[in-house]
Amino acid sequence: MHKLLLAAPALVMALQFSAVAAEVDTLAPGTEVTVRTNEPIDISTWDRGRIYRGELARDLRATDGDVAFPRGTAES
């Protein structure tokens, strides 16, 4: 019983930390993402599923204000 009581504060701190860590990676709904393409986009022929490569043109900020993804981050 004593071991459980000693472990309880550590468990509470771990749960609080995981909630904060999850918040850092959260973007607000409706966040505008500006992407610069690395190649021309040709729409003269329809190509379903065509993937164009690009990178972020501006920093993306998380809901807490920190930079979640810096400008120049390439798609993955």
Protein backbone atom coordinates (compact mmCIF):
# COMPACT_ATOMS: atom_id res chain seq x y z
CA MET A 1 0.00 0.00 0.00
CA HIS A 2 2.83 2.42 0.78
CA LYS A 3 4.41 1.79 -2.64
CA LEU A 4 1.14 2.68 -4.37
CA LEU A 5 0.90 5.99 -2.48
CA LEU A 6 4.47 6.90 -3.41
CA ALA A 7 3.84 6.10 -7.08
CA ALA A 8 0.62 8.15 -7.29
CA PRO A 9 2.31 11.60 -7.57
CA ALA A 10 4.58 10.33 -10.35
CA LEU A 11 1.57 8.95 -12.22
CA VAL A 12 -0.31 12.24 -11.92
CA MET A 13 2.72 14.16 -13.20
CA ALA A 14 3.11 11.75 -16.13
CA LEU A 15 -0.53 12.21 -17.10
CA GLN A 16 -0.22 16.00 -16.93
CA PHE A 17 2.97 15.94 -19.03
CA SER A 18 1.36 13.75 -21.71
CA ALA A 19 -1.59 16.15 -21.92
CA VAL A 20 0.79 19.10 -22.39
CA ALA A 21 2.89 17.19 -24.94
CA ALA A 22 -0.23 16.36 -26.94
CA GLU A 23 -1.21 20.05 -26.98
CA VAL A 24 2.11 21.12 -28.49
CA ASP A 25 1.48 19.04 -31.61
CA THR A 26 -2.06 20.36 -32.11
CA LEU A 27 -2.92 22.84 -34.85
CA ALA A 28 -6.07 24.90 -34.50
CA PRO A 29 -8.98 23.92 -36.75
CA GLY A 30 -8.96 26.05 -39.88
CA THR A 31 -5.20 26.68 -39.76
CA GLU A 32 -4.08 27.94 -43.15
CA VAL A 33 -1.17 25.95 -44.58
CA THR A 34 0.82 27.73 -47.29
CA VAL A 35 2.83 25.36 -49.48
CA ARG A 36 5.38 26.20 -52.16
CA THR A 37 5.68 23.54 -54.85
CA ASN A 38 9.08 22.27 -55.93
CA GLU A 39 7.92 21.57 -59.48
CA PRO A 40 5.44 23.05 -61.96
CA ILE A 41 1.82 21.92 -61.68
CA ASP A 42 0.56 20.94 -65.13
CA ILE A 43 -3.20 20.59 -65.35
CA SER A 44 -3.41 20.21 -69.15
CA THR A 45 -3.83 16.45 -68.71
CA TRP A 46 -5.81 14.89 -65.90
CA ASP A 47 -3.71 12.59 -63.76
CA ARG A 48 -5.73 11.15 -60.90
CA GLY A 49 -3.63 10.70 -57.78
CA ARG A 50 -0.71 12.80 -59.04
CA ILE A 51 1.47 13.96 -56.15
CA TYR A 52 3.27 17.27 -56.32
CA ARG A 53 6.22 17.81 -53.99
CA GLY A 54 6.47 20.95 -51.92
CA GLU A 55 7.54 22.61 -48.69
CA LEU A 56 5.98 24.95 -46.17
CA ALA A 57 6.18 28.56 -47.24
CA ARG A 58 5.53 29.84 -43.68
CA ASP A 59 5.96 28.54 -40.14
CA LEU A 60 3.02 26.53 -38.78
CA ARG A 61 2.26 27.39 -35.18
CA ALA A 62 0.68 25.05 -32.65
CA THR A 63 -2.24 26.13 -30.50
CA ASP A 64 0.18 27.11 -27.73
CA GLY A 65 2.01 29.53 -30.07
CA ASP A 66 5.19 27.49 -30.52
CA VAL A 67 6.41 26.62 -34.01
CA ALA A 68 5.10 23.14 -34.79
CA PHE A 69 6.65 22.97 -38.28
CA PRO A 70 9.19 25.57 -39.45
CA ARG A 71 9.14 27.21 -42.87
CA GLY A 72 10.93 25.03 -45.40
CA THR A 73 9.75 21.73 -43.93
CA ALA A 74 9.36 19.32 -46.84
CA GLU A 75 6.40 16.99 -47.21
CA SER A 76 6.97 13.46 -46.10
